Amino acid sequence: MRPLKISRDHLITCAGNELMRVGAGRVTVDRVAADASCAKGLLHYHFSSKDGLLSEARSRPLDNGESTTGPKPWRPASRTQ
């Protein structure tokens, strides 16, 4: 089986999802790597720092959730009463 090829774009999407989920002050490289299903070293290969990764994620427009590739963006659960 060939190893999964994870793109820089996928890593940025995962970082953006984590930013929306927990906020900038609580994003960790460990969580982004887990969401992307990759080793932390791959993040450091593509980005010089966590700040560089988050800067890239912040510069992207929000995904409307209709994308067919990559992870779906985090959405809060609907409240039912």
PDB file of N, CA and C in Angstrom:
ATOM      1  N   MET A   1       0.842  -1.178   0.000  1.00  0.00           N
ATOM      2  CA  MET A   1       0.000   0.000   0.000  1.00  0.00           C
ATOM      3  C   MET A   1       0.891   1.245   0.000  1.00  0.00           C
ATOM      4  N   ARG A   2       0.548   2.223  -0.841  1.00  0.00           N
ATOM      5  CA  ARG A   2       1.316   3.470  -0.901  1.00  0.00           C
ATOM      6  C   ARG A   2       0.968   4.350   0.285  1.00  0.00           C
ATOM      7  N   PRO A   3       1.957   5.075   0.806  1.00  0.00           N
ATOM      8  CA  PRO A   3       1.651   5.994   1.907  1.00  0.00           C
ATOM      9  C   PRO A   3       0.763   7.143   1.430  1.00  0.00           C
ATOM     10  N   LEU A   4      -0.058   7.638   2.322  1.00  0.00           N
ATOM     11  CA  LEU A   4      -0.949   8.757   2.032  1.00  0.00           C
ATOM     12  C   LEU A   4      -0.118  10.022   1.836  1.00  0.00           C
ATOM     13  N   LYS A   5      -0.371  10.756   0.769  1.00  0.00           N
ATOM     14  CA  LYS A   5       0.338  12.004   0.512  1.00  0.00           C
ATOM     15  C   LYS A   5      -0.515  13.148   1.053  1.00  0.00           C
ATOM     16  N   ILE A   6       0.002  13.845   2.041  1.00  0.00           N
ATOM     17  CA  ILE A   6      -0.738  14.931   2.686  1.00  0.00           C
ATOM     18  C   ILE A   6      -0.187  16.255   2.173  1.00  0.00           C
ATOM     19  N   SER A   7      -1.067  17.074   1.631  1.00  0.00           N
ATOM     20  CA  SER A   7      -0.649  18.334   1.027  1.00  0.00           C
ATOM     21  C   SER A   7      -0.568  19.463   2.056  1.00  0.00           C
ATOM     22  N   ARG A   8       0.165  20.479   1.678  1.00  0.00           N
ATOM     23  CA  ARG A   8       0.263  21.705   2.489  1.00  0.00           C
ATOM     24  C   ARG A   8      -1.133  22.309   2.662  1.00  0.00           C
ATOM     25  N   ASP A   9      -1.927  22.278   1.604  1.00  0.00           N
ATOM     26  CA  ASP A   9      -3.287  22.814   1.653  1.00  0.00           C
ATOM     27  C   ASP A   9      -4.131  22.076   2.695  1.00  0.00           C
ATOM     28  N   HIS A  10      -3.985  20.763   2.757  1.00  0.00           N
ATOM     29  CA  HIS A  10      -4.718  19.965   3.742  1.00  0.00           C
ATOM     30  C   HIS A  10      -4.322  20.370   5.165  1.00  0.00           C
ATOM     31  N   LEU A  11      -3.041  20.600   5.378  1.00  0.00           N
ATOM     32  CA  LEU A  11      -2.569  21.015   6.705  1.00  0.00           C
ATOM     33  C   LEU A  11      -3.148  22.373   7.095  1.00  0.00           C
ATOM     34  N   ILE A  12      -3.208  23.291   6.129  1.00  0.00           N
ATOM     35  CA  ILE A  12      -3.772  24.618   6.401  1.00  0.00           C
ATOM     36  C   ILE A  12      -5.262  24.509   6.717  1.00  0.00           C
ATOM     37  N   THR A  13      -5.973  23.646   5.990  1.00  0.00           N
ATOM     38  CA  THR A  13      -7.394  23.428   6.262  1.00  0.00           C
ATOM     39  C   THR A  13      -7.603  22.890   7.672  1.00  0.00           C
ATOM     40  N   CYS A  14      -6.788  21.920   8.056  1.00  0.00           N
ATOM     41  CA  CYS A  14      -6.904  21.343   9.403  1.00  0.00           C
ATOM     42  C   CYS A  14      -6.599  22.392  10.474  1.00  0.00           C
ATOM     43  N   ALA A  15      -5.608  23.233  10.236  1.00  0.00           N
ATOM     44  CA  ALA A  15      -5.294  24.302  11.185  1.00  0.00           C
ATOM     45  C   ALA A  15      -6.457  25.288  11.283  1.00  0.00           C
ATOM     46  N   GLY A  16      -7.074  25.616  10.148  1.00  0.00           N
ATOM     47  CA  GLY A  16      -8.232  26.511  10.156  1.00  0.00           C
ATOM     48  C   GLY A  16      -9.399  25.920  10.924  1.00  0.00           C
ATOM     49  N   ASN A  17      -9.611  24.623  10.758  1.00  0.00           N
ATOM     50  CA  ASN A  17     -10.675  23.957  11.513  1.00  0.00           C
ATOM     51  C   ASN A  17     -10.409  24.032  13.010  1.00  0.00           C
ATOM     52  N   GLU A  18      -9.171  23.820  13.393  1.00  0.00           N
ATOM     53  CA  GLU A  18      -8.808  23.873  14.809  1.00  0.00           C
ATOM     54  C   GLU A  18      -8.942  25.301  15.347  1.00  0.00           C
ATOM     55  N   LEU A  19      -8.589  26.300  14.545  1.00  0.00           N
ATOM     56  CA  LEU A  19      -8.770  27.705  14.949  1.00  0.00           C
ATOM     57  C   LEU A  19     -10.237  27.994  15.243  1.00  0.00           C
ATOM     58  N   MET A  20     -11.117  27.535  14.370  1.00  0.00           N
ATOM     59  CA  MET A  20     -12.549  27.765  14.576  1.00  0.00           C
ATOM     60  C   MET A  20     -13.060  27.001  15.789  1.00  0.00           C
ATOM     61  N   ARG A  21     -12.504  25.825  16.025  1.00  0.00           N
ATOM     62  CA  ARG A  21     -12.999  24.970  17.095  1.00  0.00           C
ATOM     63  C   ARG A  21     -12.588  25.465  18.475  1.00  0.00           C
ATOM     64  N   VAL A  22     -11.306  25.819  18.653  1.00  0.00           N
ATOM     65  CA  VAL A  22     -10.824  26.140  20.000  1.00  0.00           C
ATOM     66  C   VAL A  22     -10.294  27.553  20.169  1.00  0.00           C
ATOM     67  N   GLY A  23     -10.081  28.285  19.077  1.00  0.00           N
ATOM     68  CA  GLY A  23      -9.525  29.629  19.175  1.00  0.00           C
ATOM     69  C   GLY A  23      -8.005  29.612  19.092  1.00  0.00           C
ATOM     70  N   ALA A  24      -7.440  30.745  18.699  1.00  0.00           N
ATOM     71  CA  ALA A  24      -6.009  30.838  18.427  1.00  0.00           C
ATOM     72  C   ALA A  24      -5.132  30.516  19.634  1.00  0.00           C
ATOM     73  N   GLY A  25      -5.568  30.900  20.810  1.00  0.00           N
ATOM     74  CA  GLY A  25      -4.752  30.691  22.005  1.00  0.00           C
ATOM     75  C   GLY A  25      -4.641  29.243  22.445  1.00  0.00           C
ATOM     76  N   ARG A  26      -5.523  28.373  21.925  1.00  0.00           N
ATOM     77  CA  ARG A  26      -5.532  26.984  22.372  1.00  0.00           C
ATOM     78  C   ARG A  26      -5.181  25.979  21.277  1.00  0.00           C
ATOM     79  N   VAL A  27      -4.863  26.470  20.069  1.00  0.00           N
ATOM     80  CA  VAL A  27      -4.455  25.565  18.984  1.00  0.00           C
ATOM     81  C   VAL A  27      -3.089  24.993  19.313  1.00  0.00           C
ATOM     82  N   THR A  28      -2.941  23.682  19.121  1.00  0.00           N
ATOM     83  CA  THR A  28      -1.632  23.045  19.311  1.00  0.00           C
ATOM     84  C   THR A  28      -1.242  22.319  18.034  1.00  0.00           C
ATOM     85  N   VAL A  29       0.065  22.202  17.825  1.00  0.00           N
ATOM     86  CA  VAL A  29       0.578  21.463  16.679  1.00  0.00           C
ATOM     87  C   VAL A  29       0.150  19.998  16.784  1.00  0.00           C
ATOM     88  N   ASP A  30       0.117  19.465  17.994  1.00  0.00           N
ATOM     89  CA  ASP A  30      -0.314  18.075  18.196  1.00  0.00           C
ATOM     90  C   ASP A  30      -1.727  17.852  17.671  1.00  0.00           C
ATOM     91  N   ARG A  31      -2.643  18.764  17.990  1.00  0.00           N
ATOM     92  CA  ARG A  31      -4.036  18.614  17.560  1.00  0.00           C
ATOM     93  C   ARG A  31      -4.179  18.765  16.046  1.00  0.00           C
ATOM     94  N   VAL A  32      -3.459  19.714  15.456  1.00  0.00           N
ATOM     95  CA  VAL A  32      -3.523  19.892  14.006  1.00  0.00           C
ATOM     96  C   VAL A  32      -2.975  18.646  13.313  1.00  0.00           C
ATOM     97  N   ALA A  33      -1.860  18.124  13.807  1.00  0.00           N
ATOM     98  CA  ALA A  33      -1.274  16.912  13.230  1.00  0.00           C
ATOM     99  C   ALA A  33      -2.233  15.730  13.360  1.00  0.00           C
ATOM    100  N   ALA A  34      -2.892  15.610  14.496  1.00  0.00           N
ATOM    101  CA  ALA A  34      -3.849  14.516  14.692  1.00  0.00           C
ATOM    102  C   ALA A  34      -5.022  14.652  13.719  1.00  0.00           C
ATOM    103  N   ASP A  35      -5.522  15.870  13.544  1.00  0.00           N
ATOM    104  CA  ASP A  35      -6.630  16.109  12.619  1.00  0.00           C
ATOM    105  C   ASP A  35      -6.211  15.793  11.183  1.00  0.00           C
ATOM    106  N   ALA A  36      -4.963  16.093  10.844  1.00  0.00           N
ATOM    107  CA  ALA A  36      -4.452  15.852   9.493  1.00  0.00           C
ATOM    108  C   ALA A  36      -3.969  14.415   9.297  1.00  0.00           C
ATOM    109  N   SER A  37      -3.937  13.639  10.380  1.00  0.00           N
ATOM    110  CA  SER A  37      -3.439  12.257  10.344  1.00  0.00           C
ATOM    111  C   SER A  37      -2.001  12.198   9.848  1.00  0.00           C
ATOM    112  N   CYS A  38      -1.159  13.047  10.450  1.00  0.00           N
ATOM    113  CA  CYS A  38       0.254  13.065  10.064  1.00  0.00           C
ATOM    114  C   CYS A  38       1.116  13.274  11.302  1.00  0.00           C
ATOM    115  N   ALA A  39       2.406  13.142  11.133  1.00  0.00           N
ATOM    116  CA  ALA A  39       3.355  13.401  12.212  1.00  0.00           C
ATOM    117  C   ALA A  39       3.593  14.906  12.330  1.00  0.00           C
ATOM    118  N   LYS A  40       3.939  15.353  13.528  1.00  0.00           N
ATOM    119  CA  LYS A  40       4.226  16.777  13.742  1.00  0.00           C
ATOM    120  C   LYS A  40       5.360  17.252  12.842  1.00  0.00           C
ATOM    121  N   GLY A  41       6.293  16.365  12.565  1.00  0.00           N
ATOM    122  CA  GLY A  41       7.425  16.731  11.720  1.00  0.00           C
ATOM    123  C   GLY A  41       7.016  17.220  10.343  1.00  0.00           C
ATOM    124  N   LEU A  42       5.911  16.692   9.815  1.00  0.00           N
ATOM    125  CA  LEU A  42       5.435  17.140   8.508  1.00  0.00           C
ATOM    126  C   LEU A  42       4.978  18.596   8.575  1.00  0.00           C
ATOM    127  N   LEU A  43       4.357  18.983   9.678  1.00  0.00           N
ATOM    128  CA  LEU A  43       3.966  20.387   9.852  1.00  0.00           C
ATOM    129  C   LEU A  43       5.202  21.282   9.888  1.00  0.00           C
ATOM    130  N   HIS A  44       6.220  20.834  10.599  1.00  0.00           N
ATOM    131  CA  HIS A  44       7.450  21.626  10.694  1.00  0.00           C
ATOM    132  C   HIS A  44       8.217  21.641   9.367  1.00  0.00           C
ATOM    133  N   TYR A  45       8.032  20.625   8.551  1.00  0.00           N
ATOM    134  CA  TYR A  45       8.642  20.599   7.226  1.00  0.00           C
ATOM    135  C   TYR A  45       8.038  21.694   6.346  1.00  0.00           C
ATOM    136  N   HIS A  46       6.722  21.852   6.402  1.00  0.00           N
ATOM    137  CA  HIS A  46       6.025  22.823   5.559  1.00  0.00           C
ATOM    138  C   HIS A  46       5.986  24.238   6.131  1.00  0.00           C
ATOM    139  N   PHE A  47       6.045  24.366   7.448  1.00  0.00           N
ATOM    140  CA  PHE A  47       5.910  25.674   8.092  1.00  0.00           C
ATOM    141  C   PHE A  47       7.035  25.853   9.106  1.00  0.00           C
ATOM    142  N   SER A  48       7.617  27.045   9.154  1.00  0.00           N
ATOM    143  CA  SER A  48       8.742  27.291  10.058  1.00  0.00           C
ATOM    144  C   SER A  48       8.305  27.358  11.521  1.00  0.00           C
ATOM    145  N   SER A  49       7.024  27.638  11.750  1.00  0.00           N
ATOM    146  CA  SER A  49       6.535  27.740  13.126  1.00  0.00           C
ATOM    147  C   SER A  49       5.022  27.557  13.155  1.00  0.00           C
ATOM    148  N   LYS A  50       4.495  27.379  14.354  1.00  0.00           N
ATOM    149  CA  LYS A  50       3.042  27.303  14.517  1.00  0.00           C
ATOM    150  C   LYS A  50       2.412  28.624  14.090  1.00  0.00           C
ATOM    151  N   ASP A  51       3.057  29.732  14.406  1.00  0.00           N
ATOM    152  CA  ASP A  51       2.534  31.043  14.007  1.00  0.00           C
ATOM    153  C   ASP A  51       2.439  31.171  12.489  1.00  0.00           C
ATOM    154  N   GLY A  52       3.421  30.624  11.773  1.00  0.00           N
ATOM    155  CA  GLY A  52       3.384  30.654  10.311  1.00  0.00           C
ATOM    156  C   GLY A  52       2.209  29.854   9.770  1.00  0.00           C
ATOM    157  N   LEU A  53       1.968  28.695  10.360  1.00  0.00           N
ATOM    158  CA  LEU A  53       0.830  27.864   9.964  1.00  0.00           C
ATOM    159  C   LEU A  53      -0.489  28.578  10.226  1.00  0.00           C
ATOM    160  N   LEU A  54      -0.623  29.155  11.421  1.00  0.00           N
ATOM    161  CA  LEU A  54      -1.872  29.846  11.769  1.00  0.00           C
ATOM    162  C   LEU A  54      -2.077  31.095  10.914  1.00  0.00           C
ATOM    163  N   SER A  55      -0.989  31.764  10.565  1.00  0.00           N
ATOM    164  CA  SER A  55      -1.086  32.935   9.696  1.00  0.00           C
ATOM    165  C   SER A  55      -1.642  32.539   8.327  1.00  0.00           C
ATOM    166  N   GLU A  56      -1.154  31.426   7.796  1.00  0.00           N
ATOM    167  CA  GLU A  56      -1.670  30.914   6.518  1.00  0.00           C
ATOM    168  C   GLU A  56      -3.152  30.557   6.643  1.00  0.00           C
ATOM    169  N   ALA A  57      -3.522  29.903   7.746  1.00  0.00           N
ATOM    170  CA  ALA A  57      -4.917  29.493   7.949  1.00  0.00           C
ATOM    171  C   ALA A  57      -5.830  30.711   8.062  1.00  0.00           C
ATOM    172  N   ARG A  58      -5.367  31.748   8.747  1.00  0.00           N
ATOM    173  CA  ARG A  58      -6.190  32.954   8.908  1.00  0.00           C
ATOM    174  C   ARG A  58      -6.373  33.694   7.588  1.00  0.00           C
ATOM    175  N   SER A  59      -5.414  33.568   6.672  1.00  0.00           N
ATOM    176  CA  SER A  59      -5.491  34.311   5.419  1.00  0.00           C
ATOM    177  C   SER A  59      -6.441  33.666   4.409  1.00  0.00           C
ATOM    178  N   ARG A  60      -6.894  32.451   4.694  1.00  0.00           N
ATOM    179  CA  ARG A  60      -7.805  31.743   3.795  1.00  0.00           C
ATOM    180  C   ARG A  60      -9.253  32.105   4.112  1.00  0.00           C
ATOM    181  N   PRO A  61     -10.094  32.187   3.067  1.00  0.00           N
ATOM    182  CA  PRO A  61     -11.526  32.400   3.342  1.00  0.00           C
ATOM    183  C   PRO A  61     -12.109  31.161   4.006  1.00  0.00           C
ATOM    184  N   LEU A  62     -13.163  31.355   4.775  1.00  0.00           N
ATOM    185  CA  LEU A  62     -13.819  30.227   5.431  1.00  0.00           C
ATOM    186  C   LEU A  62     -14.464  29.324   4.398  1.00  0.00           C
ATOM    187  N   ASP A  63     -14.364  28.040   4.625  1.00  0.00           N
ATOM    188  CA  ASP A  63     -14.991  27.051   3.747  1.00  0.00           C
ATOM    189  C   ASP A  63     -16.483  27.003   4.063  1.00  0.00           C
ATOM    190  N   ASN A  64     -17.303  26.924   3.033  1.00  0.00           N
ATOM    191  CA  ASN A  64     -18.751  26.883   3.257  1.00  0.00           C
ATOM    192  C   ASN A  64     -19.260  25.477   3.541  1.00  0.00           C
ATOM    193  N   GLY A  65     -18.367  24.500   3.617  1.00  0.00           N
ATOM    194  CA  GLY A  65     -18.757  23.144   3.953  1.00  0.00           C
ATOM    195  C   GLY A  65     -19.201  22.309   2.769  1.00  0.00           C
ATOM    196  N   GLU A  66     -19.166  22.864   1.561  1.00  0.00           N
ATOM    197  CA  GLU A  66     -19.606  22.126   0.393  1.00  0.00           C
ATOM    198  C   GLU A  66     -18.451  21.502  -0.374  1.00  0.00           C
ATOM    199  N   SER A  67     -17.244  21.611   0.133  1.00  0.00           N
ATOM    200  CA  SER A  67     -16.082  21.027  -0.523  1.00  0.00           C
ATOM    201  C   SER A  67     -16.182  19.510  -0.490  1.00  0.00           C
ATOM    202  N   THR A  68     -15.706  18.884  -1.553  1.00  0.00           N
ATOM    203  CA  THR A  68     -15.734  17.421  -1.594  1.00  0.00           C
ATOM    204  C   THR A  68     -14.380  16.822  -1.241  1.00  0.00           C
ATOM    205  N   THR A  69     -13.368  17.656  -1.051  1.00  0.00           N
ATOM    206  CA  THR A  69     -12.045  17.153  -0.695  1.00  0.00           C
ATOM    207  C   THR A  69     -11.642  17.709   0.651  1.00  0.00           C
ATOM    208  N   GLY A  70     -10.829  16.973   1.362  1.00  0.00           N
ATOM    209  CA  GLY A  70     -10.323  17.426   2.649  1.00  0.00           C
ATOM    210  C   GLY A  70     -11.355  17.303   3.745  1.00  0.00           C
ATOM    211  N   PRO A  71     -10.940  17.582   4.962  1.00  0.00           N
ATOM    212  CA  PRO A  71     -11.857  17.462   6.089  1.00  0.00           C
ATOM    213  C   PRO A  71     -12.908  18.557   6.049  1.00  0.00           C
ATOM    214  N   LYS A  72     -14.078  18.251   6.539  1.00  0.00           N
ATOM    215  CA  LYS A  72     -15.143  19.251   6.607  1.00  0.00           C
ATOM    216  C   LYS A  72     -14.851  20.213   7.757  1.00  0.00           C
ATOM    217  N   PRO A  73     -15.177  21.486   7.582  1.00  0.00           N
ATOM    218  CA  PRO A  73     -14.939  22.435   8.657  1.00  0.00           C
ATOM    219  C   PRO A  73     -15.820  22.135   9.862  1.00  0.00           C
ATOM    220  N   TRP A  74     -15.344  22.497  10.999  1.00  0.00           N
ATOM    221  CA  TRP A  74     -16.081  22.273  12.240  1.00  0.00           C
ATOM    222  C   TRP A  74     -17.317  23.157  12.258  1.00  0.00           C
ATOM    223  N   ARG A  75     -18.411  22.606  12.665  1.00  0.00           N
ATOM    224  CA  ARG A  75     -19.665  23.347  12.819  1.00  0.00           C
ATOM    225  C   ARG A  75     -20.217  23.048  14.210  1.00  0.00           C
ATOM    226  N   PRO A  76     -20.713  24.062  14.928  1.00  0.00           N
ATOM    227  CA  PRO A  76     -21.311  23.792  16.237  1.00  0.00           C
ATOM    228  C   PRO A  76     -22.574  22.946  16.085  1.00  0.00           C
ATOM    229  N   ALA A  77     -22.821  22.111  17.059  1.00  0.00           N
ATOM    230  CA  ALA A  77     -24.024  21.275  17.023  1.00  0.00           C
ATOM    231  C   ALA A  77     -25.258  22.158  17.163  1.00  0.00           C
ATOM    232  N   SER A  78     -26.315  21.791  16.461  1.00  0.00           N
ATOM    233  CA  SER A  78     -27.557  22.565  16.584  1.00  0.00           C
ATOM    234  C   SER A  78     -28.188  22.281  17.938  1.00  0.00           C
ATOM    235  N   ARG A  79     -28.796  23.277  18.477  1.00  0.00           N
ATOM    236  CA  ARG A  79     -29.434  23.130  19.784  1.00  0.00           C
ATOM    237  C   ARG A  79     -30.900  22.802  19.591  1.00  0.00           C
ATOM    238  N   THR A  80     -31.348  21.758  20.251  1.00  0.00           N
ATOM    239  CA  THR A  80     -32.771  21.403  20.192  1.00  0.00           C
ATOM    240  C   THR A  80     -33.343  21.536  21.592  1.00  0.00           C
ATOM    241  N   GLN A  81     -34.532  22.093  21.659  1.00  0.00           N
ATOM    242  CA  GLN A  81     -35.132  22.305  22.976  1.00  0.00           C
ATOM    243  C   GLN A  81     -36.432  21.592  23.083  1.00  0.00           C
TER     244      GLN A  81
END
